[in-house]
Amino acid sequence: QWGGTGIIARLETPRIAQAILDSGLPTIALDLSEKELEPEHPLSRLSEVSSDSVGAASMAAEHLLGRGFRHFAFVGIAGRVWSRRREVGFCRSITEAGYAVEVYEPLRARRHRVWEQEQPVLAEWLRRLPKPAGLMACNDDRGREVLEACRAAGVRVPEELAVIGVDNDELLC
């Protein structure tokens, strides 16, 4: 009905995915999961574009390791394939270097993921981290939230906590 001739989309829900499949339009999907890429899955017929999340995470780990940090943390976003891939890549690189990673577990219930409810939880988690530490945020938006939570927690950046994000969002950076 909207007259489009193609779609580029991140398929965040089964309902959206089905609507796109039903449209019959040429589609480029962003960051399909491993399950969605399996040949028997209907979404595997779509073209897909994904970032090198593991590579980005390895670069972040290498940077923080090179700065001499011995304590590390990761903050991601629940339910996002690319965030999970970045978490896995970061943790793998850090553990291969002989260190552990503290991983923040985002609030699962969508109704609890509003920033006003999550910020104090994240702030307390950041306050308890061993310092100094290097932290990877799954993207620049999440990095900004980490910085806001640091301010609320009284954690000094970068003296106590160095924060690195992904995507190089010029406005946020």
Protein backbone atom coordinates (compact mmCIF):
# COMPACT_ATOMS: atom_id res chain seq x y z
CA GLN A 1 0.00 0.00 0.00
CA TRP A 2 2.88 2.40 0.67
CA GLY A 3 4.38 1.92 -2.78
CA GLY A 4 7.82 0.74 -1.75
CA THR A 5 9.88 -1.36 -4.13
CA GLY A 6 12.22 -2.86 -1.54
CA ILE A 7 12.90 -3.07 2.17
CA ILE A 8 15.97 -2.75 4.36
CA ALA A 9 15.07 -3.75 7.90
CA ARG A 10 16.16 -5.13 11.23
CA LEU A 11 13.56 -7.83 11.86
CA GLU A 12 12.97 -7.31 15.56
CA THR A 13 9.77 -9.34 16.00
CA PRO A 14 8.22 -12.39 14.33
CA ARG A 15 5.24 -10.22 13.34
CA ILE A 16 7.45 -7.75 11.46
CA ALA A 17 9.38 -10.60 9.84
CA GLN A 18 6.15 -12.24 8.64
CA ALA A 19 4.76 -8.97 7.28
CA ILE A 20 7.95 -8.44 5.30
CA LEU A 21 7.92 -12.00 3.97
CA ASP A 22 4.26 -11.62 3.03
CA SER A 23 5.01 -8.42 1.10
CA GLY A 24 7.08 -10.34 -1.44
CA LEU A 25 9.35 -7.29 -1.87
CA PRO A 26 13.11 -7.63 -2.26
CA THR A 27 14.48 -7.32 1.27
CA ILE A 28 17.83 -6.83 2.92
CA ALA A 29 17.75 -7.99 6.53
CA LEU A 30 20.15 -6.60 9.12
CA ASP A 31 21.93 -8.92 11.56
CA LEU A 32 19.97 -12.15 11.29
CA SER A 33 20.58 -14.67 14.06
CA GLU A 34 22.33 -17.98 13.46
CA LYS A 35 18.94 -19.73 13.65
CA GLU A 36 17.43 -17.35 11.08
CA LEU A 37 20.34 -18.06 8.73
CA GLU A 38 19.77 -21.83 8.76
CA PRO A 39 18.62 -23.02 5.28
CA GLU A 40 15.22 -24.26 6.49
CA HIS A 41 14.32 -20.92 8.10
CA PRO A 42 12.15 -18.66 5.87
CA LEU A 43 14.31 -15.60 6.60
CA SER A 44 17.40 -17.34 5.21
CA ARG A 45 16.06 -16.55 1.69
CA LEU A 46 16.60 -12.84 2.30
CA SER A 47 19.81 -10.98 1.57
CA GLU A 48 21.58 -10.06 4.79
CA VAL A 49 24.02 -7.40 5.90
CA SER A 50 25.78 -7.58 9.23
CA SER A 51 28.62 -5.77 10.88
CA ASP A 52 31.74 -7.57 12.04
CA SER A 53 30.66 -7.50 15.68
CA VAL A 54 33.28 -9.99 16.82
CA GLY A 55 36.01 -8.03 15.03
CA ALA A 56 34.85 -4.76 16.60
CA ALA A 57 34.82 -6.38 20.03
CA SER A 58 38.31 -7.80 19.52
CA MET A 59 39.57 -4.33 18.57
CA ALA A 60 37.99 -2.85 21.71
CA ALA A 61 39.56 -5.55 23.88
CA GLU A 62 42.96 -5.06 22.25
CA HIS A 63 42.75 -1.30 22.86
CA LEU A 64 41.84 -1.69 26.55
CA LEU A 65 44.45 -4.42 27.09
CA GLY A 66 47.04 -2.18 25.46
CA ARG A 67 46.21 0.53 27.98
CA GLY A 68 47.20 -1.83 30.81
CA PHE A 69 43.80 -2.54 32.33
CA ARG A 70 43.41 -5.69 34.42
CA HIS A 71 39.70 -5.38 35.17
CA PHE A 72 37.12 -5.46 32.38
CA ALA A 73 33.38 -5.13 31.93
CA PHE A 74 30.78 -5.32 29.17
CA VAL A 75 27.36 -3.67 28.91
CA GLY A 76 25.02 -4.86 26.18
CA ILE A 77 21.36 -4.77 25.20
CA ALA A 78 19.12 -7.78 25.83
CA GLY A 79 17.69 -9.54 22.80
CA ARG A 80 19.96 -8.00 20.16
CA VAL A 81 21.97 -10.43 18.03
CA TRP A 82 24.72 -7.91 17.33
CA SER A 83 25.05 -7.01 21.02
CA ARG A 84 25.40 -10.66 21.98
CA ARG A 85 28.03 -11.20 19.28
CA ARG A 86 29.99 -8.21 20.57
CA GLU A 87 29.76 -9.54 24.12
CA VAL A 88 31.03 -12.97 23.06
CA GLY A 89 33.90 -11.48 21.04
CA PHE A 90 34.96 -9.11 23.81
CA CYS A 91 34.82 -11.78 26.52
CA ARG A 92 36.73 -14.26 24.36
CA SER A 93 39.52 -11.76 23.66
CA ILE A 94 39.82 -10.72 27.30
CA THR A 95 39.74 -14.27 28.69
CA GLU A 96 42.32 -15.40 26.12
CA ALA A 97 44.57 -12.67 27.53
CA GLY A 98 44.12 -14.18 31.00
CA TYR A 99 41.56 -11.84 32.53
CA ALA A 100 37.90 -12.05 33.54
CA VAL A 101 35.01 -9.87 32.33
CA GLU A 102 32.14 -8.64 34.45
CA VAL A 103 29.02 -8.67 32.25
CA TYR A 104 26.06 -6.47 33.10
CA GLU A 105 22.83 -8.40 32.73
CA PRO A 106 20.27 -5.96 31.28
CA LEU A 107 16.80 -6.02 32.73
CA ARG A 108 14.79 -8.60 30.78
CA ALA A 109 11.24 -7.31 31.05
CA ARG A 110 10.64 -4.62 28.44
CA ARG A 111 8.58 -2.59 30.91
CA HIS A 112 11.59 -2.48 33.26
CA ARG A 113 13.99 -1.38 30.53
CA VAL A 114 12.92 2.24 30.67
CA TRP A 115 15.98 4.32 31.44
CA GLU A 116 14.54 5.84 34.63
CA GLN A 117 14.24 2.33 36.12
CA GLU A 118 17.46 0.90 34.71
CA GLN A 119 19.84 3.78 35.43
CA PRO A 120 20.03 3.25 39.22
CA VAL A 121 20.56 -0.49 38.71
CA LEU A 122 23.35 0.09 36.19
CA ALA A 123 24.86 2.84 38.37
CA GLU A 124 25.07 0.51 41.36
CA TRP A 125 26.63 -2.23 39.20
CA LEU A 126 29.24 0.25 37.90
CA ARG A 127 29.95 1.47 41.44
CA ARG A 128 30.76 -2.11 42.54
CA LEU A 129 33.17 -2.87 39.66
CA PRO A 130 36.83 -3.22 40.63
CA LYS A 131 38.73 -0.10 39.55
CA PRO A 132 40.42 0.97 37.38
CA ALA A 133 38.55 -0.92 34.68
CA GLY A 134 38.04 -0.89 30.94
CA LEU A 135 34.44 -1.26 29.79
CA MET A 136 33.03 -2.02 26.37
CA ALA A 137 29.51 -0.85 25.61
CA CYS A 138 27.77 -2.71 22.77
CA ASN A 139 27.19 0.54 20.88
CA ASP A 140 27.57 4.29 21.28
CA ASP A 141 24.01 4.77 22.58
CA ARG A 142 24.66 2.25 25.33
CA GLY A 143 28.02 3.91 25.98
CA ARG A 144 26.25 7.23 26.56
CA GLU A 145 23.94 5.51 29.04
CA VAL A 146 26.96 4.02 30.81
CA LEU A 147 28.48 7.50 31.08
CA GLU A 148 25.22 8.89 32.51
CA ALA A 149 25.12 6.04 35.04
CA CYS A 150 28.77 6.71 35.94
CA ARG A 151 27.88 10.31 36.71
CA ALA A 152 24.95 9.18 38.87
CA ALA A 153 27.19 6.65 40.67
CA GLY A 154 30.08 9.06 41.20
CA VAL A 155 32.41 6.90 39.08
CA ARG A 156 35.09 9.06 37.46
CA VAL A 157 35.64 8.61 33.71
CA PRO A 158 38.31 7.88 32.52
CA GLU A 159 40.27 7.78 35.80
CA GLU A 160 38.27 4.90 37.29
CA LEU A 161 36.45 3.57 34.26
CA ALA A 162 37.46 3.84 30.59
CA VAL A 163 34.44 3.40 28.31
CA ILE A 164 34.60 2.34 24.67
CA GLY A 165 31.61 1.98 22.34
CA VAL A 166 30.98 0.79 18.81
CA ASP A 167 29.59 2.51 15.69
CA ASN A 168 31.43 5.84 15.86
CA ASP A 169 28.24 7.87 16.08
CA GLU A 170 29.73 11.33 15.55
CA LEU A 171 27.01 13.16 17.46
CA LEU A 172 27.28 10.92 20.54
CA CYS A 173 31.06 10.59 20.41
